[in-house]
Amino acid sequence: MEIEEVSSYGALPLLSLNHVSLMCRSVWASVRFYEDVLGFVVIKRPSSFNFNGAWLYNYGIGIHLIENPSIDEFDPIVEPRPINPKDNHMSFQCTDVGLVKRRLQEMGMRYVTAVVEEDGIKVDQVFFHDPDGYMVEICNCDNIPILPLSSCSFKPRTGSFKKAAPSSCGFMENVMMESLSMDMMNISF
């Protein structure tokens, strides 16, 4: 049996995120939301599609809406899902979180906020749902620098997982680095 290093596999030749595809009850209600709230623009989609949908574009990202024929668009949603920042979501960077909150209030939209802090740097987040309950986040996330996990100082722990070793990174980052180092030590040639 031959073991190849993971680094010998080339990553897929990706360039960027192209689009997000979402199933929706009503294409037109969703189009209005993505135009009016998030500033997307409807663009031409291939005429060969034999199902109702719409393509929108802005910020270098596409959103493809696909109407789900198994959902009756006239069925009212009895109770909206709770807005949970830990739920699946798509996130957009913004220049002014305060303005985002004011605009959402003016539109009568429900939202929740959160603040993430790391080494004195704060990120403000605003979470809300689109008409189909998909979570949207608007944030100033570029406040926190993107650091490779390898930049975290790693100090092996002794004892249980309950005791986190002091390091410049969080508990999970330290666990991941420890796991990686153990995997590397277990490789035999």
C-alpha atoms as a PDB file:
ATOM      1  CA  MET A   1       0.000   0.000   0.000  1.00  0.00           C
ATOM      2  CA  GLU A   2       1.334   3.381  -0.973  1.00  0.00           C
ATOM      3  CA  ILE A   3       0.433   6.540   0.912  1.00  0.00           C
ATOM      4  CA  GLU A   4       0.500   9.824  -0.941  1.00  0.00           C
ATOM      5  CA  GLU A   5       0.679  13.116   0.851  1.00  0.00           C
ATOM      6  CA  VAL A   6      -2.488  15.139   0.624  1.00  0.00           C
ATOM      7  CA  SER A   7      -0.501  18.088  -0.704  1.00  0.00           C
ATOM      8  CA  SER A   8       0.438  16.060  -3.785  1.00  0.00           C
ATOM      9  CA  TYR A   9      -3.184  16.224  -4.948  1.00  0.00           C
ATOM     10  CA  GLY A  10      -3.855  19.383  -6.867  1.00  0.00           C
ATOM     11  CA  ALA A  11      -6.860  21.383  -5.842  1.00  0.00           C
ATOM     12  CA  LEU A  12      -9.620  21.737  -8.391  1.00  0.00           C
ATOM     13  CA  PRO A  13      -8.968  24.705 -10.714  1.00  0.00           C
ATOM     14  CA  LEU A  14     -11.645  26.909  -9.130  1.00  0.00           C
ATOM     15  CA  LEU A  15     -11.832  30.649  -9.701  1.00  0.00           C
ATOM     16  CA  SER A  16     -14.656  31.939  -7.519  1.00  0.00           C
ATOM     17  CA  LEU A  17     -18.219  31.358  -6.356  1.00  0.00           C
ATOM     18  CA  ASN A  18     -20.453  31.573  -9.437  1.00  0.00           C
ATOM     19  CA  HIS A  19     -23.981  31.281  -8.061  1.00  0.00           C
ATOM     20  CA  VAL A  20     -26.200  29.983  -5.309  1.00  0.00           C
ATOM     21  CA  SER A  21     -29.306  28.053  -6.360  1.00  0.00           C
ATOM     22  CA  LEU A  22     -32.416  28.256  -4.193  1.00  0.00           C
ATOM     23  CA  MET A  23     -35.775  26.478  -4.382  1.00  0.00           C
ATOM     24  CA  CYS A  24     -38.628  28.910  -3.788  1.00  0.00           C
ATOM     25  CA  ARG A  25     -42.402  28.933  -3.426  1.00  0.00           C
ATOM     26  CA  SER A  26     -42.893  31.936  -5.691  1.00  0.00           C
ATOM     27  CA  VAL A  27     -40.205  33.068  -8.103  1.00  0.00           C
ATOM     28  CA  TRP A  28     -41.727  36.527  -8.283  1.00  0.00           C
ATOM     29  CA  ALA A  29     -41.884  37.061  -4.501  1.00  0.00           C
ATOM     30  CA  SER A  30     -38.261  35.956  -4.245  1.00  0.00           C
ATOM     31  CA  VAL A  31     -37.200  38.121  -7.207  1.00  0.00           C
ATOM     32  CA  ARG A  32     -38.763  41.169  -5.511  1.00  0.00           C
ATOM     33  CA  PHE A  33     -36.908  40.345  -2.261  1.00  0.00           C
ATOM     34  CA  TYR A  34     -33.496  39.890  -3.906  1.00  0.00           C
ATOM     35  CA  GLU A  35     -33.988  43.050  -6.014  1.00  0.00           C
ATOM     36  CA  ASP A  36     -35.490  45.333  -3.361  1.00  0.00           C
ATOM     37  CA  VAL A  37     -33.642  44.170  -0.245  1.00  0.00           C
ATOM     38  CA  LEU A  38     -30.272  42.959  -1.537  1.00  0.00           C
ATOM     39  CA  GLY A  39     -29.894  44.946  -4.776  1.00  0.00           C
ATOM     40  CA  PHE A  40     -29.649  42.039  -7.233  1.00  0.00           C
ATOM     41  CA  VAL A  41     -30.701  42.498 -10.866  1.00  0.00           C
ATOM     42  CA  VAL A  42     -32.664  39.968 -12.927  1.00  0.00           C
ATOM     43  CA  ILE A  43     -30.603  38.670 -15.851  1.00  0.00           C
ATOM     44  CA  LYS A  44     -31.480  36.507 -18.841  1.00  0.00           C
ATOM     45  CA  ARG A  45     -31.535  32.781 -18.197  1.00  0.00           C
ATOM     46  CA  PRO A  46     -31.400  30.076 -20.860  1.00  0.00           C
ATOM     47  CA  SER A  47     -34.733  29.732 -22.683  1.00  0.00           C
ATOM     48  CA  SER A  48     -34.247  25.966 -22.934  1.00  0.00           C
ATOM     49  CA  PHE A  49     -35.239  25.527 -19.270  1.00  0.00           C
ATOM     50  CA  ASN A  50     -38.695  23.965 -18.999  1.00  0.00           C
ATOM     51  CA  PHE A  51     -39.355  25.080 -15.419  1.00  0.00           C
ATOM     52  CA  ASN A  52     -40.186  28.404 -13.806  1.00  0.00           C
ATOM     53  CA  GLY A  53     -37.225  30.258 -12.383  1.00  0.00           C
ATOM     54  CA  ALA A  54     -35.144  33.407 -12.517  1.00  0.00           C
ATOM     55  CA  TRP A  55     -31.475  34.333 -12.493  1.00  0.00           C
ATOM     56  CA  LEU A  56     -30.226  37.373 -10.609  1.00  0.00           C
ATOM     57  CA  TYR A  57     -26.765  38.893 -10.461  1.00  0.00           C
ATOM     58  CA  ASN A  58     -24.752  41.461  -8.504  1.00  0.00           C
ATOM     59  CA  TYR A  59     -21.568  41.732  -6.433  1.00  0.00           C
ATOM     60  CA  GLY A  60     -19.904  39.127  -8.648  1.00  0.00           C
ATOM     61  CA  ILE A  61     -22.398  36.451  -7.525  1.00  0.00           C
ATOM     62  CA  GLY A  62     -25.434  34.910  -9.184  1.00  0.00           C
ATOM     63  CA  ILE A  63     -28.574  33.707  -7.459  1.00  0.00           C
ATOM     64  CA  HIS A  64     -30.620  31.144  -9.377  1.00  0.00           C
ATOM     65  CA  LEU A  65     -34.202  30.797  -8.214  1.00  0.00           C
ATOM     66  CA  ILE A  66     -36.084  27.615  -9.047  1.00  0.00           C
ATOM     67  CA  GLU A  67     -39.779  27.412  -8.358  1.00  0.00           C
ATOM     68  CA  ASN A  68     -40.663  24.213  -6.518  1.00  0.00           C
ATOM     69  CA  PRO A  69     -43.913  22.917  -8.040  1.00  0.00           C
ATOM     70  CA  SER A  70     -44.573  20.648  -5.045  1.00  0.00           C
ATOM     71  CA  ILE A  71     -45.131  23.644  -2.754  1.00  0.00           C
ATOM     72  CA  ASP A  72     -48.414  25.493  -3.127  1.00  0.00           C
ATOM     73  CA  GLU A  73     -47.433  29.177  -3.278  1.00  0.00           C
ATOM     74  CA  PHE A  74     -50.772  30.123  -1.703  1.00  0.00           C
ATOM     75  CA  ASP A  75     -50.179  28.014   1.419  1.00  0.00           C
ATOM     76  CA  PRO A  76     -49.429  30.511   4.144  1.00  0.00           C
ATOM     77  CA  ILE A  77     -46.398  29.850   6.268  1.00  0.00           C
ATOM     78  CA  VAL A  78     -48.097  29.363   9.630  1.00  0.00           C
ATOM     79  CA  GLU A  79     -45.127  30.242  11.790  1.00  0.00           C
ATOM     80  CA  PRO A  80     -41.891  31.747  10.514  1.00  0.00           C
ATOM     81  CA  ARG A  81     -38.715  29.874  11.419  1.00  0.00           C
ATOM     82  CA  PRO A  82     -36.697  31.376  14.231  1.00  0.00           C
ATOM     83  CA  ILE A  83     -33.790  33.452  13.021  1.00  0.00           C
ATOM     84  CA  ASN A  84     -30.804  31.421  14.175  1.00  0.00           C
ATOM     85  CA  PRO A  85     -27.301  32.689  13.286  1.00  0.00           C
ATOM     86  CA  LYS A  86     -26.015  29.095  13.531  1.00  0.00           C
ATOM     87  CA  ASP A  87     -28.347  27.958  10.731  1.00  0.00           C
ATOM     88  CA  ASN A  88     -27.258  27.528   7.103  1.00  0.00           C
ATOM     89  CA  HIS A  89     -26.944  30.946   5.510  1.00  0.00           C
ATOM     90  CA  MET A  90     -25.360  33.016   2.788  1.00  0.00           C
ATOM     91  CA  SER A  91     -23.403  36.058   3.866  1.00  0.00           C
ATOM     92  CA  PHE A  92     -22.800  39.395   2.183  1.00  0.00           C
ATOM     93  CA  GLN A  93     -20.178  41.963   3.116  1.00  0.00           C
ATOM     94  CA  CYS A  94     -21.418  45.535   3.611  1.00  0.00           C
ATOM     95  CA  THR A  95     -19.974  48.971   4.235  1.00  0.00           C
ATOM     96  CA  ASP A  96     -22.440  50.137   6.919  1.00  0.00           C
ATOM     97  CA  VAL A  97     -24.172  47.674   9.264  1.00  0.00           C
ATOM     98  CA  GLY A  98     -26.096  50.498  10.960  1.00  0.00           C
ATOM     99  CA  LEU A  99     -27.631  51.520   7.629  1.00  0.00           C
ATOM    100  CA  VAL A 100     -28.563  47.889   6.912  1.00  0.00           C
ATOM    101  CA  LYS A 101     -30.450  47.685  10.223  1.00  0.00           C
ATOM    102  CA  ARG A 102     -32.259  50.989   9.590  1.00  0.00           C
ATOM    103  CA  ARG A 103     -33.336  49.898   6.092  1.00  0.00           C
ATOM    104  CA  LEU A 104     -34.574  46.522   7.357  1.00  0.00           C
ATOM    105  CA  GLN A 105     -36.565  48.325  10.068  1.00  0.00           C
ATOM    106  CA  GLU A 106     -38.085  50.652   7.448  1.00  0.00           C
ATOM    107  CA  MET A 107     -39.140  47.590   5.421  1.00  0.00           C
ATOM    108  CA  GLY A 108     -40.671  45.996   8.524  1.00  0.00           C
ATOM    109  CA  MET A 109     -38.349  42.987   8.317  1.00  0.00           C
ATOM    110  CA  ARG A 110     -37.547  40.847  11.336  1.00  0.00           C
ATOM    111  CA  TYR A 111     -33.835  40.399  12.018  1.00  0.00           C
ATOM    112  CA  VAL A 112     -31.401  39.495  14.778  1.00  0.00           C
ATOM    113  CA  THR A 113     -27.934  40.844  15.372  1.00  0.00           C
ATOM    114  CA  ALA A 114     -24.751  39.346  16.718  1.00  0.00           C
ATOM    115  CA  VAL A 115     -21.273  40.595  17.442  1.00  0.00           C
ATOM    116  CA  VAL A 116     -18.150  38.484  17.048  1.00  0.00           C
ATOM    117  CA  GLU A 117     -15.009  39.690  18.778  1.00  0.00           C
ATOM    118  CA  GLU A 118     -11.465  38.451  18.273  1.00  0.00           C
ATOM    119  CA  ASP A 119      -8.438  40.171  19.807  1.00  0.00           C
ATOM    120  CA  GLY A 120     -10.333  43.450  20.211  1.00  0.00           C
ATOM    121  CA  ILE A 121     -11.651  43.430  16.641  1.00  0.00           C
ATOM    122  CA  LYS A 122     -15.444  43.412  16.336  1.00  0.00           C
ATOM    123  CA  VAL A 123     -17.627  42.108  13.531  1.00  0.00           C
ATOM    124  CA  ASP A 124     -21.277  43.163  13.445  1.00  0.00           C
ATOM    125  CA  GLN A 125     -23.717  40.692  11.910  1.00  0.00           C
ATOM    126  CA  VAL A 126     -27.368  41.046  10.893  1.00  0.00           C
ATOM    127  CA  PHE A 127     -29.407  37.910  10.116  1.00  0.00           C
ATOM    128  CA  PHE A 128     -32.825  37.694   8.445  1.00  0.00           C
ATOM    129  CA  HIS A 129     -34.849  35.407   6.177  1.00  0.00           C
ATOM    130  CA  ASP A 130     -35.868  35.657   2.544  1.00  0.00           C
ATOM    131  CA  PRO A 131     -39.515  34.853   1.636  1.00  0.00           C
ATOM    132  CA  ASP A 132     -38.785  31.093   1.707  1.00  0.00           C
ATOM    133  CA  GLY A 133     -36.983  31.091   5.036  1.00  0.00           C
ATOM    134  CA  TYR A 134     -33.425  31.024   3.685  1.00  0.00           C
ATOM    135  CA  MET A 135     -31.079  32.795   6.077  1.00  0.00           C
ATOM    136  CA  VAL A 136     -29.196  35.877   4.871  1.00  0.00           C
ATOM    137  CA  GLU A 137     -26.361  37.485   6.815  1.00  0.00           C
ATOM    138  CA  ILE A 138     -25.060  41.001   6.244  1.00  0.00           C
ATOM    139  CA  CYS A 139     -21.808  41.796   8.038  1.00  0.00           C
ATOM    140  CA  ASN A 140     -18.582  43.738   8.156  1.00  0.00           C
ATOM    141  CA  CYS A 141     -16.699  40.430   8.297  1.00  0.00           C
ATOM    142  CA  ASP A 142     -13.599  41.776   6.574  1.00  0.00           C
ATOM    143  CA  ASN A 143     -12.716  43.388   9.928  1.00  0.00           C
ATOM    144  CA  ILE A 144     -11.280  40.025  11.023  1.00  0.00           C
ATOM    145  CA  PRO A 145      -8.179  39.100   9.028  1.00  0.00           C
ATOM    146  CA  ILE A 146      -8.112  35.754   7.217  1.00  0.00           C
ATOM    147  CA  LEU A 147      -5.292  33.759   8.777  1.00  0.00           C
ATOM    148  CA  PRO A 148      -4.261  30.270   7.706  1.00  0.00           C
ATOM    149  CA  LEU A 149      -4.634  27.734  10.508  1.00  0.00           C
ATOM    150  CA  SER A 150      -0.893  27.121  10.205  1.00  0.00           C
ATOM    151  CA  SER A 151      -0.329  30.638  11.590  1.00  0.00           C
ATOM    152  CA  CYS A 152      -1.745  29.524  14.946  1.00  0.00           C
ATOM    153  CA  SER A 153       0.901  28.746  17.518  1.00  0.00           C
ATOM    154  CA  PHE A 154       0.432  25.093  18.401  1.00  0.00           C
ATOM    155  CA  LYS A 155       1.129  23.795  21.879  1.00  0.00           C
ATOM    156  CA  PRO A 156       0.311  20.113  22.398  1.00  0.00           C
ATOM    157  CA  ARG A 157      -2.090  19.470  25.243  1.00  0.00           C
ATOM    158  CA  THR A 158      -1.599  16.951  27.945  1.00  0.00           C
ATOM    159  CA  GLY A 159      -4.644  15.389  29.523  1.00  0.00           C
ATOM    160  CA  SER A 160      -8.237  15.655  28.387  1.00  0.00           C
ATOM    161  CA  PHE A 161      -9.896  17.793  25.736  1.00  0.00           C
ATOM    162  CA  LYS A 162     -11.468  19.849  28.514  1.00  0.00           C
ATOM    163  CA  LYS A 163      -8.205  21.677  29.153  1.00  0.00           C
ATOM    164  CA  ALA A 164      -7.420  24.020  26.289  1.00  0.00           C
ATOM    165  CA  ALA A 165      -3.783  24.850  25.787  1.00  0.00           C
ATOM    166  CA  PRO A 166      -2.993  28.538  25.755  1.00  0.00           C
ATOM    167  CA  SER A 167      -2.428  29.618  22.181  1.00  0.00           C
ATOM    168  CA  SER A 168      -3.089  32.510  19.842  1.00  0.00           C
ATOM    169  CA  CYS A 169      -5.974  30.547  18.307  1.00  0.00           C
ATOM    170  CA  GLY A 170      -9.195  29.099  19.655  1.00  0.00           C
ATOM    171  CA  PHE A 171      -9.837  25.681  21.121  1.00  0.00           C
ATOM    172  CA  MET A 172     -11.012  24.072  17.862  1.00  0.00           C
ATOM    173  CA  GLU A 173      -8.046  25.433  15.919  1.00  0.00           C
ATOM    174  CA  ASN A 174      -5.709  23.925  18.499  1.00  0.00           C
ATOM    175  CA  VAL A 175      -7.551  20.559  18.329  1.00  0.00           C
ATOM    176  CA  MET A 176      -7.287  20.579  14.515  1.00  0.00           C
ATOM    177  CA  MET A 177      -3.563  21.374  14.621  1.00  0.00           C
ATOM    178  CA  GLU A 178      -2.992  18.628  17.210  1.00  0.00           C
ATOM    179  CA  SER A 179      -4.891  16.126  15.074  1.00  0.00           C
ATOM    180  CA  LEU A 180      -2.865  17.106  12.024  1.00  0.00           C
ATOM    181  CA  SER A 181       0.415  16.715  13.891  1.00  0.00           C
ATOM    182  CA  MET A 182      -0.644  13.289  15.227  1.00  0.00           C
ATOM    183  CA  ASP A 183      -1.617  12.196  11.700  1.00  0.00           C
ATOM    184  CA  MET A 184       1.770  13.318  10.427  1.00  0.00           C
ATOM    185  CA  MET A 185       3.549  11.347  13.175  1.00  0.00           C
ATOM    186  CA  ASN A 186       1.544   8.226  12.284  1.00  0.00           C
ATOM    187  CA  ILE A 187       2.670   8.244   8.655  1.00  0.00           C
ATOM    188  CA  SER A 188       5.206   5.494   8.101  1.00  0.00           C
ATOM    189  CA  PHE A 189       7.412   5.243   5.067  1.00  0.00           C
END
